N, C-alpha and C. Protein backbone atom coordinates (compact mmCIF):
# COMPACT_ATOMS: atom_id res chain seq x y z
N MET A 1 1.78 -63.40 -87.62
CA MET A 1 0.58 -62.75 -87.13
C MET A 1 0.73 -62.48 -85.63
N ALA A 2 0.43 -61.27 -85.21
CA ALA A 2 0.55 -60.91 -83.80
C ALA A 2 -0.75 -61.22 -83.07
N SER A 3 -0.60 -61.61 -81.81
CA SER A 3 -1.81 -61.79 -81.01
C SER A 3 -2.31 -60.42 -80.60
N GLU A 4 -3.60 -60.29 -80.49
CA GLU A 4 -4.19 -59.01 -80.15
C GLU A 4 -5.16 -59.21 -78.99
N THR A 5 -5.06 -58.34 -77.99
CA THR A 5 -6.00 -58.42 -76.88
C THR A 5 -6.95 -57.24 -76.96
N ARG A 6 -8.13 -57.45 -76.43
CA ARG A 6 -9.14 -56.41 -76.35
C ARG A 6 -9.62 -56.35 -74.92
N THR A 7 -10.07 -55.20 -74.49
CA THR A 7 -10.63 -55.03 -73.16
C THR A 7 -12.02 -54.44 -73.31
N THR A 8 -12.99 -55.02 -72.60
CA THR A 8 -14.37 -54.56 -72.71
C THR A 8 -15.10 -54.70 -71.39
N THR A 9 -16.16 -53.94 -71.25
CA THR A 9 -17.10 -54.10 -70.14
C THR A 9 -18.48 -54.45 -70.69
N ASP A 10 -18.59 -54.61 -72.00
CA ASP A 10 -19.86 -54.89 -72.66
C ASP A 10 -20.30 -56.33 -72.39
N HIS A 11 -21.43 -56.48 -71.72
CA HIS A 11 -21.90 -57.81 -71.34
C HIS A 11 -22.13 -58.72 -72.54
N ASP A 12 -22.72 -58.19 -73.60
CA ASP A 12 -23.00 -59.00 -74.78
C ASP A 12 -21.72 -59.49 -75.44
N GLU A 13 -20.72 -58.61 -75.52
CA GLU A 13 -19.44 -59.00 -76.13
C GLU A 13 -18.75 -60.08 -75.30
N ILE A 14 -18.76 -59.94 -73.98
CA ILE A 14 -18.15 -60.93 -73.10
C ILE A 14 -18.85 -62.27 -73.25
N ARG A 15 -20.17 -62.24 -73.16
CA ARG A 15 -20.94 -63.48 -73.24
C ARG A 15 -20.71 -64.18 -74.59
N ARG A 16 -20.70 -63.39 -75.67
CA ARG A 16 -20.46 -63.96 -77.00
C ARG A 16 -19.12 -64.69 -77.05
N TRP A 17 -18.06 -64.02 -76.58
CA TRP A 17 -16.72 -64.60 -76.63
C TRP A 17 -16.66 -65.88 -75.79
N VAL A 18 -17.19 -65.83 -74.58
CA VAL A 18 -17.15 -67.00 -73.69
C VAL A 18 -17.91 -68.17 -74.31
N GLU A 19 -19.11 -67.92 -74.80
CA GLU A 19 -19.92 -69.00 -75.35
C GLU A 19 -19.34 -69.55 -76.66
N GLU A 20 -18.69 -68.71 -77.46
CA GLU A 20 -18.02 -69.19 -78.68
C GLU A 20 -16.89 -70.15 -78.33
N HIS A 21 -16.36 -70.04 -77.11
CA HIS A 21 -15.26 -70.90 -76.67
C HIS A 21 -15.74 -71.98 -75.70
N ASP A 22 -17.05 -72.23 -75.70
CA ASP A 22 -17.69 -73.26 -74.86
C ASP A 22 -17.46 -73.05 -73.37
N GLY A 23 -17.29 -71.80 -72.97
CA GLY A 23 -17.10 -71.48 -71.56
C GLY A 23 -18.43 -71.30 -70.83
N THR A 24 -18.35 -71.38 -69.50
CA THR A 24 -19.51 -71.22 -68.63
C THR A 24 -19.13 -70.27 -67.51
N PRO A 25 -20.02 -69.31 -67.16
CA PRO A 25 -19.71 -68.42 -66.04
C PRO A 25 -19.64 -69.22 -64.74
N ALA A 26 -18.68 -68.88 -63.91
CA ALA A 26 -18.46 -69.63 -62.67
C ALA A 26 -17.85 -68.74 -61.62
N SER A 27 -17.88 -69.24 -60.38
CA SER A 27 -17.14 -68.59 -59.30
C SER A 27 -16.39 -69.67 -58.54
N VAL A 28 -15.36 -69.27 -57.83
CA VAL A 28 -14.55 -70.21 -57.05
C VAL A 28 -15.35 -70.61 -55.82
N ARG A 29 -15.50 -71.91 -55.61
CA ARG A 29 -16.25 -72.41 -54.45
C ARG A 29 -15.67 -71.85 -53.15
N GLY A 30 -16.57 -71.48 -52.25
CA GLY A 30 -16.15 -71.04 -50.92
C GLY A 30 -15.67 -69.61 -50.83
N THR A 31 -15.82 -68.83 -51.92
CA THR A 31 -15.33 -67.44 -51.87
C THR A 31 -16.46 -66.41 -51.79
N ALA A 32 -17.72 -66.87 -51.81
CA ALA A 32 -18.84 -65.93 -51.71
C ALA A 32 -18.95 -65.42 -50.27
N ASP A 33 -19.37 -64.17 -50.12
CA ASP A 33 -19.56 -63.58 -48.80
C ASP A 33 -20.85 -64.09 -48.19
N GLU A 34 -20.73 -64.99 -47.23
CA GLU A 34 -21.87 -65.55 -46.49
C GLU A 34 -23.00 -65.97 -47.42
N GLY A 35 -22.68 -66.59 -48.53
CA GLY A 35 -23.68 -67.10 -49.45
C GLY A 35 -24.46 -66.03 -50.20
N ASP A 36 -24.03 -64.78 -50.09
CA ASP A 36 -24.74 -63.69 -50.74
C ASP A 36 -24.03 -63.30 -52.03
N GLY A 37 -24.56 -63.75 -53.16
CA GLY A 37 -23.96 -63.42 -54.44
C GLY A 37 -22.79 -64.32 -54.80
N ALA A 38 -22.15 -63.98 -55.89
CA ALA A 38 -21.03 -64.77 -56.41
C ALA A 38 -19.75 -64.46 -55.66
N GLY A 39 -18.84 -65.41 -55.67
CA GLY A 39 -17.51 -65.20 -55.10
C GLY A 39 -16.55 -64.72 -56.17
N VAL A 40 -15.32 -65.20 -56.12
CA VAL A 40 -14.29 -64.83 -57.09
C VAL A 40 -14.71 -65.36 -58.47
N LEU A 41 -14.79 -64.48 -59.45
CA LEU A 41 -15.28 -64.84 -60.77
C LEU A 41 -14.24 -65.58 -61.60
N ARG A 42 -14.74 -66.55 -62.37
CA ARG A 42 -13.94 -67.30 -63.31
C ARG A 42 -14.81 -67.64 -64.51
N ILE A 43 -14.20 -68.16 -65.55
CA ILE A 43 -14.90 -68.78 -66.66
C ILE A 43 -14.40 -70.22 -66.70
N ASP A 44 -15.32 -71.16 -66.74
CA ASP A 44 -14.95 -72.58 -66.78
C ASP A 44 -14.98 -73.04 -68.24
N PHE A 45 -13.81 -73.40 -68.76
CA PHE A 45 -13.70 -73.93 -70.11
C PHE A 45 -13.54 -75.44 -70.03
N PRO A 46 -13.99 -76.17 -71.06
CA PRO A 46 -13.78 -77.62 -71.07
C PRO A 46 -12.30 -77.94 -70.87
N GLY A 47 -12.01 -78.86 -69.96
CA GLY A 47 -10.62 -79.22 -69.67
C GLY A 47 -9.96 -78.28 -68.69
N GLY A 48 -10.71 -77.34 -68.12
CA GLY A 48 -10.15 -76.37 -67.18
C GLY A 48 -10.15 -76.91 -65.75
N ALA A 49 -10.24 -76.00 -64.78
CA ALA A 49 -10.16 -76.35 -63.37
C ALA A 49 -11.25 -77.32 -62.93
N GLY A 50 -12.43 -77.23 -63.55
CA GLY A 50 -13.46 -78.21 -63.32
C GLY A 50 -14.32 -78.01 -62.10
N GLU A 51 -15.16 -79.01 -61.88
CA GLU A 51 -16.21 -78.91 -60.89
C GLU A 51 -15.71 -78.89 -59.45
N GLU A 52 -14.54 -79.42 -59.19
CA GLU A 52 -14.07 -79.47 -57.80
C GLU A 52 -13.84 -78.08 -57.22
N SER A 53 -13.32 -77.16 -58.01
CA SER A 53 -13.01 -75.85 -57.46
C SER A 53 -13.94 -74.75 -57.95
N LEU A 54 -14.71 -75.01 -59.00
CA LEU A 54 -15.59 -73.99 -59.56
C LEU A 54 -17.05 -74.38 -59.43
N GLU A 55 -17.88 -73.36 -59.25
CA GLU A 55 -19.32 -73.54 -59.20
C GLU A 55 -19.92 -72.73 -60.32
N HIS A 56 -20.70 -73.38 -61.20
CA HIS A 56 -21.33 -72.66 -62.29
C HIS A 56 -22.42 -71.76 -61.73
N ILE A 57 -22.49 -70.54 -62.26
CA ILE A 57 -23.48 -69.57 -61.83
C ILE A 57 -24.15 -68.99 -63.08
N SER A 58 -25.24 -68.25 -62.88
CA SER A 58 -25.94 -67.65 -64.01
C SER A 58 -25.16 -66.44 -64.52
N TRP A 59 -25.42 -66.10 -65.78
CA TRP A 59 -24.81 -64.89 -66.33
C TRP A 59 -25.24 -63.68 -65.52
N GLU A 60 -26.48 -63.66 -65.06
CA GLU A 60 -26.97 -62.53 -64.26
C GLU A 60 -26.13 -62.35 -62.99
N GLU A 61 -25.87 -63.44 -62.27
CA GLU A 61 -25.03 -63.37 -61.06
C GLU A 61 -23.61 -62.94 -61.41
N TRP A 62 -23.08 -63.50 -62.50
CA TRP A 62 -21.71 -63.22 -62.91
C TRP A 62 -21.54 -61.74 -63.23
N PHE A 63 -22.46 -61.19 -64.03
CA PHE A 63 -22.35 -59.79 -64.42
C PHE A 63 -22.64 -58.84 -63.26
N GLU A 64 -23.49 -59.25 -62.33
CA GLU A 64 -23.75 -58.42 -61.16
C GLU A 64 -22.46 -58.24 -60.36
N LYS A 65 -21.75 -59.33 -60.11
CA LYS A 65 -20.48 -59.26 -59.38
C LYS A 65 -19.43 -58.52 -60.20
N PHE A 66 -19.38 -58.76 -61.51
CA PHE A 66 -18.45 -58.12 -62.43
C PHE A 66 -18.59 -56.59 -62.33
N ASP A 67 -19.82 -56.10 -62.39
CA ASP A 67 -20.05 -54.66 -62.34
C ASP A 67 -19.82 -54.09 -60.94
N GLU A 68 -20.28 -54.80 -59.90
CA GLU A 68 -20.06 -54.35 -58.52
C GLU A 68 -18.58 -54.21 -58.20
N SER A 69 -17.78 -55.11 -58.76
CA SER A 69 -16.34 -55.13 -58.48
C SER A 69 -15.55 -54.17 -59.36
N GLY A 70 -16.22 -53.51 -60.31
CA GLY A 70 -15.54 -52.56 -61.19
C GLY A 70 -14.53 -53.23 -62.10
N LEU A 71 -14.91 -54.39 -62.66
CA LEU A 71 -13.98 -55.15 -63.49
C LEU A 71 -14.18 -54.88 -64.98
N ALA A 72 -13.16 -55.18 -65.73
CA ALA A 72 -13.20 -55.21 -67.19
C ALA A 72 -12.68 -56.57 -67.64
N PHE A 73 -13.05 -56.98 -68.83
CA PHE A 73 -12.71 -58.30 -69.37
C PHE A 73 -11.68 -58.11 -70.47
N LEU A 74 -10.46 -58.56 -70.24
CA LEU A 74 -9.39 -58.50 -71.23
C LEU A 74 -9.30 -59.88 -71.85
N TYR A 75 -9.37 -59.95 -73.18
CA TYR A 75 -9.34 -61.26 -73.83
C TYR A 75 -8.56 -61.23 -75.13
N GLN A 76 -8.21 -62.42 -75.59
CA GLN A 76 -7.43 -62.59 -76.81
C GLN A 76 -8.27 -63.39 -77.79
N GLU A 77 -8.43 -62.88 -79.00
CA GLU A 77 -9.19 -63.61 -80.03
C GLU A 77 -8.37 -64.77 -80.60
N GLN A 78 -7.09 -64.51 -80.87
CA GLN A 78 -6.23 -65.53 -81.46
C GLN A 78 -4.85 -65.47 -80.86
N LYS A 79 -4.19 -66.62 -80.82
CA LYS A 79 -2.79 -66.67 -80.41
C LYS A 79 -1.93 -66.09 -81.54
N ALA A 80 -0.68 -65.83 -81.26
CA ALA A 80 0.22 -65.23 -82.25
C ALA A 80 0.28 -66.07 -83.53
N GLY A 81 0.17 -67.39 -83.41
CA GLY A 81 0.23 -68.26 -84.57
C GLY A 81 -1.08 -68.36 -85.34
N GLY A 82 -2.12 -67.66 -84.87
CA GLY A 82 -3.40 -67.67 -85.56
C GLY A 82 -4.41 -68.65 -84.99
N GLU A 83 -3.99 -69.50 -84.02
CA GLU A 83 -4.93 -70.45 -83.42
C GLU A 83 -5.91 -69.71 -82.52
N ASP A 84 -7.09 -70.29 -82.37
CA ASP A 84 -8.10 -69.74 -81.48
C ASP A 84 -7.55 -69.70 -80.05
N SER A 85 -7.90 -68.68 -79.29
CA SER A 85 -7.36 -68.53 -77.93
C SER A 85 -8.49 -68.45 -76.92
N THR A 86 -8.25 -69.02 -75.73
CA THR A 86 -9.18 -68.87 -74.61
C THR A 86 -8.54 -68.05 -73.50
N PHE A 87 -7.51 -67.27 -73.84
CA PHE A 87 -6.86 -66.43 -72.84
C PHE A 87 -7.77 -65.25 -72.49
N PHE A 88 -7.98 -65.07 -71.19
CA PHE A 88 -8.70 -63.90 -70.71
C PHE A 88 -8.19 -63.55 -69.32
N LYS A 89 -8.48 -62.34 -68.91
CA LYS A 89 -8.10 -61.89 -67.57
C LYS A 89 -9.12 -60.85 -67.13
N LEU A 90 -9.50 -60.91 -65.87
CA LEU A 90 -10.36 -59.88 -65.30
C LEU A 90 -9.47 -58.83 -64.67
N VAL A 91 -9.65 -57.59 -65.08
CA VAL A 91 -8.80 -56.48 -64.63
C VAL A 91 -9.69 -55.36 -64.10
N LYS A 92 -9.10 -54.49 -63.31
CA LYS A 92 -9.84 -53.32 -62.82
C LYS A 92 -10.11 -52.36 -63.98
N ARG A 93 -11.28 -51.77 -63.98
CA ARG A 93 -11.63 -50.79 -65.01
C ARG A 93 -10.78 -49.55 -64.84
N ASP A 94 -10.51 -48.91 -65.96
CA ASP A 94 -9.80 -47.63 -65.93
C ASP A 94 -10.65 -46.62 -65.17
N GLY A 95 -10.02 -45.80 -64.38
CA GLY A 95 -10.73 -44.82 -63.59
C GLY A 95 -11.31 -43.66 -64.37
N GLY A 96 -10.88 -43.50 -65.64
CA GLY A 96 -11.30 -42.37 -66.44
C GLY A 96 -12.71 -42.40 -66.77
């Protein structure tokens, strides 16, 4: 079985995938511009980078920064072997 990635900008699809994998919207501590809005976006998964480097934020804040930055969400539903995957990457949206 091949792994398959998808790319989306749909907020509902992103939120569904993240929450199905027990993830929480977050930003990297200390990267926000003068405390105004979110900094560098991440998703915090159980066993991930954790509270020391990430700050949990609301979905509203996360998506506001996501859209302002012109990002798209690339994610993998399953690994090549069929196991559930938490692989994702934030990429620039296509200019088209």
